Amino acid sequence: MRRLIQRKFALFLMLLSMGCSQIKDQFTTDSDPVFGSKEYAVSLVAGINARWFKQPKKFSLEGDNGEVPKHFFFDVNPDISMEKKTLNFVVSTPQGSPYAYEIDLVSGQHFMNHEYCETSDAWDIFQAKVEKPPYTIAIVPRVFDQLGEPQKIIVFGSEKYYQENFKTNFFDGRIIGGFIEQVCQKGACLEQNQWNSRLVLIAVEPNNDKFSKVNNIDELKTIVDWPEVKAFAENGHGQNQIGQKFYPSLKMGPIIDTSTAMSFMRSNSIFFTVKKLTQMRNSCYTLYDHLWKHLGTDSQLETQFKAAKSKIEIAKIEKLSRKDPNTFFFQRLINLFKKYEKDIKTCTKYIYSGNIHEDKERFWFFAYLRLFSMAHEEGYTYSCQRDVWITNPYTLNGKRAIPLKDEFKGCTAHKIDKAFSQAVNLLKTLKRNNVKSYRFIDYDRGALGTHNKLYSWVPVSNRRYECSKAKDYSYTSPIFPQDIRWKNRSIKNVKSSRIFY
């Protein structure tokens, strides 16, 4: 647990250095122009003004007809009020939905994750089975919690109201308390220190007659089936699987009152102001352009290698290349990755890297770079000696067994090409072994999909449903488009036995 907290704290430091601030510094509405509508108060529901992807076009997510979608995390102002105990939220999955949806942070779009099915209580307390969520599941825009995830909030209100509007609007809610959600990342967490904790807020729909007089969770328990609420919170998101056995992955910890919940979020969460968010986005755009400038085209010597027609010419150019440590793509890639590894991880995790309609080659290069970075972030490194991705675990001192400076030793141009092309197979293996993985979504297709365009990597949870694996869409969906391949950058007829040290 301590190691995870250290990793997430490091993430927070990166985000802070790139332009976000703690909520305790700016907890009220931004004084800067807001991406989302500020007139929401006149109505129970407000449309989202699509601003995030408006400019510049080369970094935009566009539909086939050039339309720009709303970004459900960055286009909405959280508008948190400590005095009124209110805030804005965007819905991922509405109450009563047969399908679980998520919101991708890079594209800002909803996507279908899995279909719910009847699930038994892994804790053997709630006797009936749970299936559809008895509350609306949402996140607070532009706020990250203690585990580096969007701030989660569950909302009680009109089931139909949220079902009809959640894919187009944001909402305001009144906070009545919260609870500590305890998370077992994998396996069977038998010791208390194996569980990680995060705050989950509980809110009610304003002006809803049923909940208008509810001011705390004790009052909420008198009008909802609280045992069912607790059972779904602990089982509705799946369980950890080891072999044929399933173990609890979540449990509802202590219930906390409204003031404590709001104060805890204020002191321990990360809040993106418009100004700081824009600074981070622009920094990432600059980084993307810099990487593409050095990795998107051949160097002068690489161009000469490709044009050479004799072994004598190649030998002369190869002699010159020994004096330039950035002659070959694989050299530039490794040098730049080591220099900007943290920034690449942060940027590709939150900021869209390019418009596929503007430059397909550039777009797919960054899709692979994100894949390369994800594998690295999840604790894997490519062994050029063994020609395979291997684990690179944390040691007792909190550092990776193979430090970044020592990675990629013995690598050649051909080996780095294999690292990129085999990274998709790594994700397939992780998913098959019930380890956290990722999948790439172009369009969220299928009868159950949202039909949104994402062109983005989304996580595949290691949690599984004992009741029906076949209904887990994230598990059965392809990892990556089958018609897309890594563009090899090694040069034929050139000694690719050049070792990178």
Protein backbone atom coordinates (compact mmCIF):
# COMPACT_ATOMS: atom_id res chain seq x y z
CA MET A 1 0.00 0.00 0.00
CA ARG A 2 2.79 2.39 0.91
CA ARG A 3 4.39 1.79 -2.48
CA LEU A 4 1.13 2.59 -4.28
CA ILE A 5 0.72 5.79 -2.31
CA GLN A 6 4.28 6.77 -3.21
CA ARG A 7 3.52 6.17 -6.90
CA LYS A 8 0.31 8.19 -6.79
CA PHE A 9 1.99 10.99 -4.86
CA ALA A 10 4.66 11.09 -7.56
CA LEU A 11 1.86 11.38 -10.12
CA PHE A 12 0.38 14.29 -8.21
CA LEU A 13 3.76 16.01 -8.18
CA MET A 14 4.00 15.60 -11.95
CA LEU A 15 0.52 17.01 -12.44
CA LEU A 16 1.29 19.89 -10.13
CA SER A 17 4.52 20.68 -11.94
CA MET A 18 2.66 20.67 -15.25
CA GLY A 19 -0.05 23.00 -14.12
CA CYS A 20 -2.72 21.86 -11.63
CA SER A 21 -3.28 23.00 -8.08
CA GLN A 22 -4.63 21.62 -4.83
CA ILE A 23 -8.26 22.30 -4.08
CA LYS A 24 -7.35 24.08 -0.87
CA ASP A 25 -5.71 26.80 -2.99
CA GLN A 26 -8.65 27.39 -5.36
CA PHE A 27 -11.77 25.62 -4.18
CA THR A 28 -14.42 27.99 -5.45
CA THR A 29 -15.51 28.71 -9.02
CA ASP A 30 -12.69 29.75 -11.36
CA SER A 31 -12.35 33.43 -12.06
CA ASP A 32 -11.08 32.47 -15.51
CA PRO A 33 -13.49 31.83 -18.40
CA VAL A 34 -15.07 28.42 -17.89
CA PHE A 35 -15.22 25.70 -20.53
CA GLY A 36 -18.72 24.65 -19.40
CA SER A 37 -21.87 26.76 -19.11
CA LYS A 38 -22.11 28.89 -15.94
CA GLU A 39 -25.86 29.36 -16.32
CA TYR A 40 -26.69 25.86 -15.17
CA ALA A 41 -28.37 27.12 -11.99
CA VAL A 42 -31.51 28.15 -13.86
CA SER A 43 -32.21 24.51 -14.63
CA LEU A 44 -31.77 21.11 -13.07
CA VAL A 45 -29.75 20.01 -16.07
CA ALA A 46 -27.31 21.91 -18.25
CA GLY A 47 -25.85 21.27 -21.66
CA ILE A 48 -22.08 21.15 -22.07
CA ASN A 49 -20.39 23.70 -24.27
CA ALA A 50 -17.80 21.85 -26.39
CA ARG A 51 -14.65 23.95 -26.01
CA TRP A 52 -11.77 21.61 -25.17
CA PHE A 53 -11.29 20.28 -28.70
CA LYS A 54 -12.02 23.53 -30.56
CA GLN A 55 -8.38 24.55 -31.02
CA PRO A 56 -5.86 23.74 -32.34
CA LYS A 57 -7.28 21.46 -35.00
CA LYS A 58 -4.24 19.17 -35.24
CA PHE A 59 -4.79 18.11 -31.61
CA SER A 60 -8.56 17.83 -31.85
CA LEU A 61 -10.87 14.85 -31.66
CA GLU A 62 -13.17 15.30 -34.65
CA GLY A 63 -16.07 13.36 -36.06
CA ASP A 64 -16.08 12.26 -39.69
CA ASN A 65 -18.01 15.42 -40.57
CA GLY A 66 -15.66 17.70 -38.66
CA GLU A 67 -17.92 18.15 -35.63
CA VAL A 68 -16.18 18.60 -32.27
CA PRO A 69 -17.47 16.52 -29.32
CA LYS A 70 -17.88 17.59 -25.71
CA HIS A 71 -15.16 16.59 -23.27
CA PHE A 72 -17.01 15.34 -20.20
CA PHE A 73 -14.09 15.83 -17.82
CA PHE A 74 -12.43 19.04 -18.98
CA ASP A 75 -15.37 20.95 -20.49
CA VAL A 76 -17.31 21.17 -17.21
CA ASN A 77 -16.59 23.42 -14.25
CA PRO A 78 -16.92 21.51 -10.92
CA ASP A 79 -18.25 24.68 -9.22
CA ILE A 80 -17.76 23.31 -5.71
CA SER A 81 -19.42 25.29 -2.91
CA MET A 82 -18.40 24.52 0.67
CA GLU A 83 -21.15 26.78 2.01
CA LYS A 84 -24.03 25.28 0.02
CA LYS A 85 -22.54 21.76 0.03
CA THR A 86 -23.07 21.53 -3.73
CA LEU A 87 -21.03 20.71 -6.81
CA ASN A 88 -21.33 19.72 -10.46
CA PHE A 89 -20.89 16.16 -11.68
CA VAL A 90 -20.98 14.17 -14.90
CA VAL A 91 -22.62 10.76 -14.98
CA SER A 92 -20.80 7.65 -16.10
CA THR A 93 -23.59 5.11 -15.40
CA PRO A 94 -27.15 6.16 -14.49
CA GLN A 95 -29.26 4.39 -11.88
CA GLY A 96 -30.98 1.27 -13.17
CA SER A 97 -28.82 0.98 -16.28
CA PRO A 98 -28.25 -2.61 -17.49
CA TYR A 99 -24.89 -1.49 -18.85
CA ALA A 100 -21.84 -0.04 -17.12
CA TYR A 101 -20.31 2.96 -18.86
CA GLU A 102 -17.03 4.75 -18.21
CA ILE A 103 -15.65 8.15 -19.25
CA ASP A 104 -12.27 8.10 -21.00
CA LEU A 105 -10.13 10.97 -19.69
CA VAL A 106 -8.18 11.53 -22.92
CA SER A 107 -11.10 11.75 -25.36
CA GLY A 108 -13.64 12.76 -22.71
CA GLN A 109 -16.21 10.33 -24.18
CA HIS A 110 -18.48 7.69 -22.70
CA PHE A 111 -17.83 4.10 -23.69
CA MET A 112 -19.58 0.84 -22.87
CA ASN A 113 -17.52 -1.22 -20.44
CA HIS A 114 -19.67 -4.27 -19.63
CA GLU A 115 -23.21 -5.53 -19.15
CA TYR A 116 -24.32 -6.05 -15.57
CA CYS A 117 -25.42 -9.48 -14.43
CA GLU A 118 -26.77 -10.94 -11.20
CA THR A 119 -23.97 -11.08 -8.66
CA SER A 120 -23.79 -12.69 -5.23
CA ASP A 121 -22.31 -10.86 -2.27
CA ALA A 122 -18.66 -11.91 -1.95
CA TRP A 123 -18.86 -11.02 1.75
CA ASP A 124 -21.80 -13.44 2.32
CA ILE A 125 -23.82 -10.78 4.15
CA PHE A 126 -26.48 -9.65 1.65
CA GLN A 127 -28.59 -12.70 0.84
CA ALA A 128 -30.17 -11.51 -2.42
CA LYS A 129 -28.22 -10.89 -5.63
CA VAL A 130 -27.42 -7.44 -7.01
CA GLU A 131 -27.43 -6.51 -10.68
CA LYS A 132 -28.27 -2.95 -11.80
CA PRO A 133 -26.94 0.02 -9.82
CA PRO A 134 -29.48 1.35 -7.24
CA TYR A 135 -27.95 4.82 -7.59
CA THR A 136 -26.32 6.95 -10.28
CA ILE A 137 -22.55 6.57 -10.60
CA ALA A 138 -20.70 9.78 -11.49
CA ILE A 139 -17.45 11.72 -11.25
CA VAL A 140 -16.63 15.29 -10.32
CA PRO A 141 -15.07 17.00 -13.37
CA ARG A 142 -11.47 18.18 -13.11
CA VAL A 143 -10.94 16.65 -9.66
CA PHE A 144 -8.68 13.69 -8.84
CA ASP A 145 -8.91 11.73 -5.60
CA GLN A 146 -6.29 10.16 -3.34
CA LEU A 147 -5.59 7.24 -5.71
CA GLY A 148 -5.11 9.48 -8.74
CA GLU A 149 -8.58 8.63 -10.12
CA PRO A 150 -11.43 11.03 -10.98
CA GLN A 151 -13.34 11.90 -7.80
CA LYS A 152 -16.18 9.37 -7.57
CA ILE A 153 -19.66 10.33 -6.41
CA ILE A 154 -22.88 8.33 -6.13
CA VAL A 155 -26.17 10.19 -6.52
CA PHE A 156 -29.74 9.41 -5.47
CA GLY A 157 -32.51 10.93 -7.52
CA SER A 158 -34.77 10.33 -10.48
CA GLU A 159 -33.73 7.19 -12.36
CA LYS A 160 -35.35 8.27 -15.64
CA TYR A 161 -34.01 11.82 -15.36
CA TYR A 162 -30.37 10.74 -15.38
CA GLN A 163 -30.88 7.95 -17.91
CA GLU A 164 -32.32 10.38 -20.46
CA ASN A 165 -29.72 13.14 -20.07
CA PHE A 166 -26.40 11.66 -18.96
CA LYS A 167 -24.83 11.40 -22.45
CA THR A 168 -25.36 15.07 -23.24
CA ASN A 169 -25.42 17.05 -19.98
CA PHE A 170 -23.84 17.70 -16.62
CA PHE A 171 -25.72 18.04 -13.33
CA ASP A 172 -25.58 19.71 -9.94
CA GLY A 173 -25.88 17.74 -6.71
CA ARG A 174 -26.21 18.37 -2.98
CA ILE A 175 -23.67 16.49 -0.85
CA ILE A 176 -25.08 14.67 2.20
CA GLY A 177 -21.95 12.74 3.20
CA GLY A 178 -19.60 10.10 1.91
CA PHE A 179 -17.82 6.86 2.69
CA ILE A 180 -14.31 5.46 2.49
CA GLU A 181 -14.12 2.94 -0.32
CA GLN A 182 -11.44 0.34 0.34
CA VAL A 183 -9.86 -1.26 -2.72
CA CYS A 184 -8.07 -4.59 -3.07
CA GLN A 185 -6.04 -4.14 -6.25
CA LYS A 186 -5.58 -7.83 -6.95
CA GLY A 187 -5.89 -11.28 -5.44
CA ALA A 188 -7.22 -11.98 -1.97
CA CYS A 189 -6.29 -9.15 0.38
CA LEU A 190 -6.19 -10.94 3.73
CA GLU A 191 -4.42 -8.18 5.68
CA GLN A 192 -5.85 -4.71 6.32
CA ASN A 193 -2.69 -3.00 5.03
CA GLN A 194 -3.27 -4.61 1.62
CA TRP A 195 -6.34 -2.44 1.04
CA ASN A 196 -6.05 1.07 -0.41
CA SER A 197 -8.58 3.79 0.42
CA ARG A 198 -10.37 6.56 -1.43
CA LEU A 199 -13.21 8.98 -0.67
CA VAL A 200 -16.57 8.45 -2.39
CA LEU A 201 -19.06 11.30 -2.08
CA ILE A 202 -22.81 10.74 -1.66
CA ALA A 203 -25.24 13.29 -3.08
CA VAL A 204 -28.94 13.74 -3.80
CA GLU A 205 -30.68 15.40 -6.72
CA PRO A 206 -31.67 18.98 -5.81
CA ASN A 207 -35.39 19.82 -5.94
CA ASN A 208 -36.36 16.15 -6.01
CA ASP A 209 -39.38 15.80 -3.72
CA LYS A 210 -38.32 12.38 -2.45
CA PHE A 211 -34.90 13.60 -1.31
CA SER A 212 -35.57 17.29 -0.58
CA LYS A 213 -35.53 16.77 3.20
CA VAL A 214 -32.59 14.36 3.24
CA ASN A 215 -29.59 16.09 4.85
CA ASN A 216 -27.45 13.17 5.97
CA ILE A 217 -26.92 9.46 5.34
CA ASP A 218 -28.98 8.36 8.35
CA GLU A 219 -31.99 10.12 6.80
CA LEU A 220 -31.15 8.60 3.41
CA LYS A 221 -31.24 5.09 4.91
CA THR A 222 -34.90 5.59 5.85
CA ILE A 223 -36.02 5.93 2.22
CA VAL A 224 -33.64 3.66 0.26
CA ASP A 225 -32.70 0.00 0.61
CA TRP A 226 -29.31 0.64 2.25
CA PRO A 227 -28.25 -3.03 2.48
CA GLU A 228 -28.73 -3.26 -1.31
CA VAL A 229 -26.79 -0.02 -1.80
CA LYS A 230 -23.91 -1.38 0.27
CA ALA A 231 -24.00 -4.77 -1.48
CA PHE A 232 -23.84 -3.18 -4.94
CA ALA A 233 -21.03 -0.82 -3.88
CA GLU A 234 -19.01 -3.84 -2.79
CA ASN A 235 -19.90 -6.28 -5.59
CA GLY A 236 -21.38 -4.44 -8.56
CA HIS A 237 -17.99 -3.53 -10.04
CA GLY A 238 -16.65 -7.08 -10.18
CA GLN A 239 -14.40 -9.21 -8.02
CA ASN A 240 -10.81 -10.42 -8.06
CA GLN A 241 -10.33 -13.82 -9.65
CA ILE A 242 -7.61 -16.36 -8.81
CA GLY A 243 -8.03 -19.52 -10.83
CA GLN A 244 -11.69 -20.48 -10.50
CA LYS A 245 -12.23 -18.60 -7.23
CA PHE A 246 -13.51 -15.05 -6.76
CA TYR A 247 -12.58 -12.71 -3.91
CA PRO A 248 -13.85 -9.29 -2.76
CA SER A 249 -12.25 -6.34 -4.52
CA LEU A 250 -14.17 -3.52 -2.80
CA LYS A 251 -15.68 -2.85 0.57
CA MET A 252 -17.57 0.08 2.02
CA GLY A 253 -15.56 1.50 4.88
CA PRO A 254 -16.53 4.16 7.42
CA ILE A 255 -19.46 6.49 6.68
CA ILE A 256 -18.56 10.16 7.10
CA ASP A 257 -20.71 13.28 7.40
CA THR A 258 -21.01 16.08 4.86
CA SER A 259 -18.57 18.55 6.43
CA THR A 260 -15.92 15.88 6.93
CA ALA A 261 -16.34 14.60 3.36
CA MET A 262 -16.09 18.08 1.83
CA SER A 263 -13.13 19.05 4.03
CA PHE A 264 -11.33 15.82 3.25
CA MET A 265 -11.76 16.36 -0.49
CA ARG A 266 -10.63 19.96 -0.13
CA SER A 267 -7.41 18.94 1.61
CA ASN A 268 -6.52 15.71 -0.17
CA SER A 269 -7.68 15.96 -3.78
CA ILE A 270 -6.27 17.62 -6.87
CA PHE A 271 -8.27 20.31 -8.66
CA PHE A 272 -7.61 21.59 -12.20
CA THR A 273 -8.32 25.28 -12.68
CA VAL A 274 -8.92 26.44 -16.24
CA LYS A 275 -5.72 28.47 -16.25
CA LYS A 276 -3.52 25.66 -14.97
CA LEU A 277 -5.24 23.08 -17.12
CA THR A 278 -4.58 25.17 -20.21
CA GLN A 279 -0.92 25.50 -19.23
CA MET A 280 -0.61 21.73 -18.90
CA ARG A 281 -2.32 21.14 -22.23
CA ASN A 282 -0.07 23.60 -24.04
CA SER A 283 3.02 22.04 -22.45
CA CYS A 284 1.93 18.63 -23.71
CA TYR A 285 1.28 19.98 -27.20
CA THR A 286 4.82 21.37 -27.21
CA LEU A 287 6.18 18.01 -26.09
CA TYR A 288 4.25 16.16 -28.81
CA ASP A 289 5.58 18.49 -31.49
CA HIS A 290 9.13 18.11 -30.17
CA LEU A 291 8.92 14.32 -30.17
CA TRP A 292 7.44 14.17 -33.66
CA LYS A 293 10.08 16.56 -35.00
CA HIS A 294 12.84 14.16 -33.91
CA LEU A 295 11.06 10.84 -34.35
CA GLY A 296 8.62 11.41 -37.19
CA THR A 297 11.21 11.85 -39.94
CA ASP A 298 14.53 10.29 -40.84
CA SER A 299 17.80 11.89 -39.86
CA GLN A 300 20.10 13.13 -42.61
CA LEU A 301 22.29 10.02 -42.34
CA GLU A 302 19.26 7.71 -42.35
CA THR A 303 18.16 9.34 -45.60
CA GLN A 304 21.61 8.77 -47.05
CA PHE A 305 21.56 5.12 -45.91
CA LYS A 306 18.29 4.53 -47.75
CA ALA A 307 19.61 6.18 -50.90
CA ALA A 308 22.96 4.35 -50.90
CA LYS A 309 23.39 1.87 -53.78
CA SER A 310 26.62 0.10 -52.89
CA LYS A 311 28.30 -1.47 -49.91
CA ILE A 312 31.09 1.10 -50.21
CA GLU A 313 28.63 3.97 -49.82
CA ILE A 314 26.99 2.28 -46.86
CA ALA A 315 30.37 1.71 -45.19
CA LYS A 316 31.27 5.41 -45.55
CA ILE A 317 27.97 6.56 -44.10
CA GLU A 318 28.21 4.02 -41.31
CA LYS A 319 31.59 5.41 -40.33
CA LEU A 320 30.01 8.88 -40.02
CA SER A 321 27.08 7.49 -38.01
CA ARG A 322 29.41 6.27 -35.25
CA LYS A 323 30.14 9.90 -34.41
CA ASP A 324 26.46 10.83 -34.09
CA PRO A 325 24.52 9.21 -31.20
CA ASN A 326 21.24 10.30 -32.78
CA THR A 327 21.70 8.84 -36.23
CA PHE A 328 19.12 6.09 -35.95
CA PHE A 329 15.49 6.24 -34.87
CA PHE A 330 16.00 3.72 -32.07
CA GLN A 331 18.80 5.86 -30.59
CA ARG A 332 16.67 9.02 -30.69
CA LEU A 333 13.68 7.17 -29.28
CA ILE A 334 15.58 5.76 -26.30
CA ASN A 335 17.31 9.04 -25.53
CA LEU A 336 14.07 11.03 -25.70
CA PHE A 337 12.08 8.45 -23.75
CA LYS A 338 14.61 8.46 -20.92
CA LYS A 339 14.69 12.26 -20.89
CA TYR A 340 10.92 12.80 -21.00
CA GLU A 341 9.59 9.52 -19.56
CA LYS A 342 7.51 11.15 -16.80
CA ASP A 343 6.16 13.86 -19.09
CA ILE A 344 5.28 11.34 -21.82
CA LYS A 345 3.41 9.22 -19.28
CA THR A 346 1.45 12.19 -17.91
CA CYS A 347 0.67 13.81 -21.25
CA THR A 348 -0.44 10.68 -23.09
CA LYS A 349 -2.58 9.71 -20.10
CA TYR A 350 -4.62 12.92 -20.08
CA ILE A 351 -4.04 14.99 -23.23
CA TYR A 352 -5.03 14.04 -26.78
CA SER A 353 -1.92 13.69 -28.94
CA GLY A 354 -3.28 14.35 -32.42
CA ASN A 355 -6.10 14.43 -34.94
CA ILE A 356 -6.25 11.28 -37.07
CA HIS A 357 -7.90 13.25 -39.88
CA GLU A 358 -4.92 15.63 -40.03
CA ASP A 359 -2.03 13.13 -40.03
CA LYS A 360 -2.69 9.40 -39.76
CA GLU A 361 0.97 8.41 -39.57
CA ARG A 362 1.60 10.79 -36.67
CA PHE A 363 -1.58 9.69 -34.91
CA TRP A 364 -0.73 5.98 -34.97
CA PHE A 365 2.86 6.66 -33.93
CA PHE A 366 1.62 8.34 -30.74
CA ALA A 367 -0.91 5.55 -30.20
CA TYR A 368 2.03 3.14 -30.12
CA LEU A 369 4.08 5.51 -27.98
CA ARG A 370 1.23 5.58 -25.45
CA LEU A 371 1.19 1.77 -25.54
CA PHE A 372 4.96 1.69 -24.96
CA SER A 373 4.57 4.12 -22.04
CA MET A 374 1.65 2.18 -20.52
CA ALA A 375 3.64 -1.05 -20.52
CA HIS A 376 6.49 0.78 -18.83
CA GLU A 377 4.15 2.40 -16.28
CA GLU A 378 2.55 -0.93 -15.38
CA GLY A 379 5.95 -2.34 -14.46
CA TYR A 380 7.32 -3.93 -17.62
CA THR A 381 10.44 -3.32 -19.65
CA TYR A 382 11.60 -4.80 -22.93
CA SER A 383 14.56 -7.16 -22.67
CA CYS A 384 16.54 -6.98 -25.89
CA GLN A 385 18.63 -9.95 -24.76
CA ARG A 386 15.54 -12.16 -24.41
CA ASP A 387 13.36 -10.48 -27.06
CA VAL A 388 10.39 -10.20 -24.71
CA TRP A 389 8.66 -7.80 -22.34
CA ILE A 390 9.60 -8.73 -18.76
CA THR A 391 8.43 -7.55 -15.35
CA ASN A 392 10.35 -4.74 -13.69
CA PRO A 393 9.01 -4.77 -10.12
CA TYR A 394 9.55 -2.31 -7.32
CA THR A 395 12.22 -3.22 -4.79
CA LEU A 396 12.08 -2.63 -1.04
CA ASN A 397 13.46 0.89 -1.47
CA GLY A 398 10.51 1.84 -3.69
CA LYS A 399 12.52 1.91 -6.92
CA ARG A 400 12.33 -0.29 -10.00
CA ALA A 401 14.60 -3.34 -10.07
CA ILE A 402 15.99 -2.12 -13.42
CA PRO A 403 16.38 1.68 -13.22
CA LEU A 404 15.47 3.75 -16.26
CA LYS A 405 19.10 4.61 -16.97
CA ASP A 406 19.92 0.90 -17.34
CA GLU A 407 16.96 -0.08 -19.49
CA PHE A 408 17.29 -0.92 -23.20
CA LYS A 409 20.90 -2.07 -22.91
CA GLY A 410 21.95 -4.22 -25.82
CA CYS A 411 19.13 -2.92 -28.00
CA THR A 412 19.36 -2.51 -31.76
CA ALA A 413 17.04 -0.85 -34.23
CA HIS A 414 15.47 -4.21 -35.00
CA LYS A 415 14.96 -4.99 -31.29
CA ILE A 416 13.15 -1.69 -30.65
CA ASP A 417 10.85 -2.39 -33.60
CA LYS A 418 10.02 -5.72 -31.96
CA ALA A 419 9.38 -4.02 -28.61
CA PHE A 420 6.67 -1.87 -30.18
CA SER A 421 5.12 -4.63 -32.28
CA GLN A 422 5.05 -7.10 -29.35
CA ALA A 423 3.56 -4.66 -26.86
CA VAL A 424 0.04 -5.53 -28.05
CA ASN A 425 0.74 -9.20 -27.25
CA LEU A 426 1.81 -8.15 -23.76
CA LEU A 427 -1.64 -6.60 -23.19
CA LYS A 428 -3.33 -9.76 -24.46
CA THR A 429 -1.34 -11.85 -21.99
CA LEU A 430 -2.16 -9.51 -19.10
CA LYS A 431 -5.87 -9.62 -19.87
CA ARG A 432 -5.85 -13.40 -20.20
CA ASN A 433 -4.17 -13.67 -16.78
CA ASN A 434 -6.67 -11.30 -15.12
CA VAL A 435 -4.13 -8.53 -14.70
CA LYS A 436 -4.96 -4.87 -15.40
CA SER A 437 -4.62 -4.23 -19.12
CA TYR A 438 -5.75 -1.79 -21.82
CA ARG A 439 -7.65 -1.81 -25.09
CA PHE A 440 -7.83 0.71 -27.91
CA ILE A 441 -11.26 2.02 -28.93
CA ASP A 442 -11.74 3.76 -32.25
CA TYR A 443 -15.54 3.82 -32.30
CA ASP A 444 -17.46 2.31 -29.39
CA ARG A 445 -19.24 -0.03 -31.75
CA GLY A 446 -21.74 -2.83 -31.37
CA ALA A 447 -25.35 -3.06 -30.31
CA LEU A 448 -24.42 -2.14 -26.73
CA GLY A 449 -21.85 0.56 -27.53
CA THR A 450 -22.30 4.31 -27.27
CA HIS A 451 -21.19 4.74 -30.91
CA ASN A 452 -18.93 7.55 -29.73
CA LYS A 453 -15.61 8.14 -31.44
CA LEU A 454 -12.72 7.83 -28.96
CA TYR A 455 -9.56 6.78 -30.79
CA SER A 456 -7.99 6.29 -27.39
CA TRP A 457 -6.59 3.66 -25.03
CA VAL A 458 -8.87 2.75 -22.12
CA PRO A 459 -8.10 0.51 -19.12
CA VAL A 460 -9.36 -3.05 -18.82
CA SER A 461 -9.92 -3.85 -15.16
CA ASN A 462 -8.58 -7.04 -13.64
CA ARG A 463 -11.96 -7.49 -11.90
CA ARG A 464 -14.23 -10.18 -13.30
CA TYR A 465 -17.87 -11.22 -12.93
CA GLU A 466 -18.47 -14.74 -11.74
CA CYS A 467 -22.02 -14.65 -13.12
CA SER A 468 -21.11 -14.14 -16.79
CA LYS A 469 -17.68 -13.49 -18.25
CA ALA A 470 -19.23 -13.41 -21.74
CA LYS A 471 -21.07 -10.20 -20.85
CA ASP A 472 -17.86 -8.41 -19.93
CA TYR A 473 -17.46 -6.36 -23.10
CA SER A 474 -14.08 -4.99 -22.02
CA TYR A 475 -12.83 -8.57 -21.71
CA THR A 476 -14.11 -9.88 -25.05
CA SER A 477 -13.35 -6.82 -27.20
CA PRO A 478 -10.22 -6.68 -29.40
CA ILE A 479 -7.11 -5.10 -27.90
CA PHE A 480 -6.10 -3.10 -30.98
CA PRO A 481 -7.31 -2.64 -34.59
CA GLN A 482 -6.13 -5.64 -36.57
CA ASP A 483 -5.33 -3.60 -39.67
CA ILE A 484 -2.85 -1.31 -37.85
CA ARG A 485 0.80 -2.37 -37.60
CA TRP A 486 3.88 -0.74 -36.15
CA LYS A 487 5.91 0.90 -38.93
CA ASN A 488 9.38 -0.63 -38.68
CA ARG A 489 12.15 1.95 -38.54
CA SER A 490 15.20 -0.29 -38.87
CA ILE A 491 17.00 0.10 -42.21
CA LYS A 492 17.71 -2.86 -44.45
CA ASN A 493 21.29 -3.52 -45.55
CA VAL A 494 22.61 -1.60 -42.56
CA LYS A 495 24.24 -3.46 -39.69
CA SER A 496 21.46 -3.44 -37.13
CA SER A 497 23.76 -5.09 -34.62
CA ARG A 498 24.69 -1.63 -33.38
CA ILE A 499 24.17 -1.89 -29.65
CA PHE A 500 22.68 0.94 -27.59
CA TYR A 501 24.41 1.56 -24.26
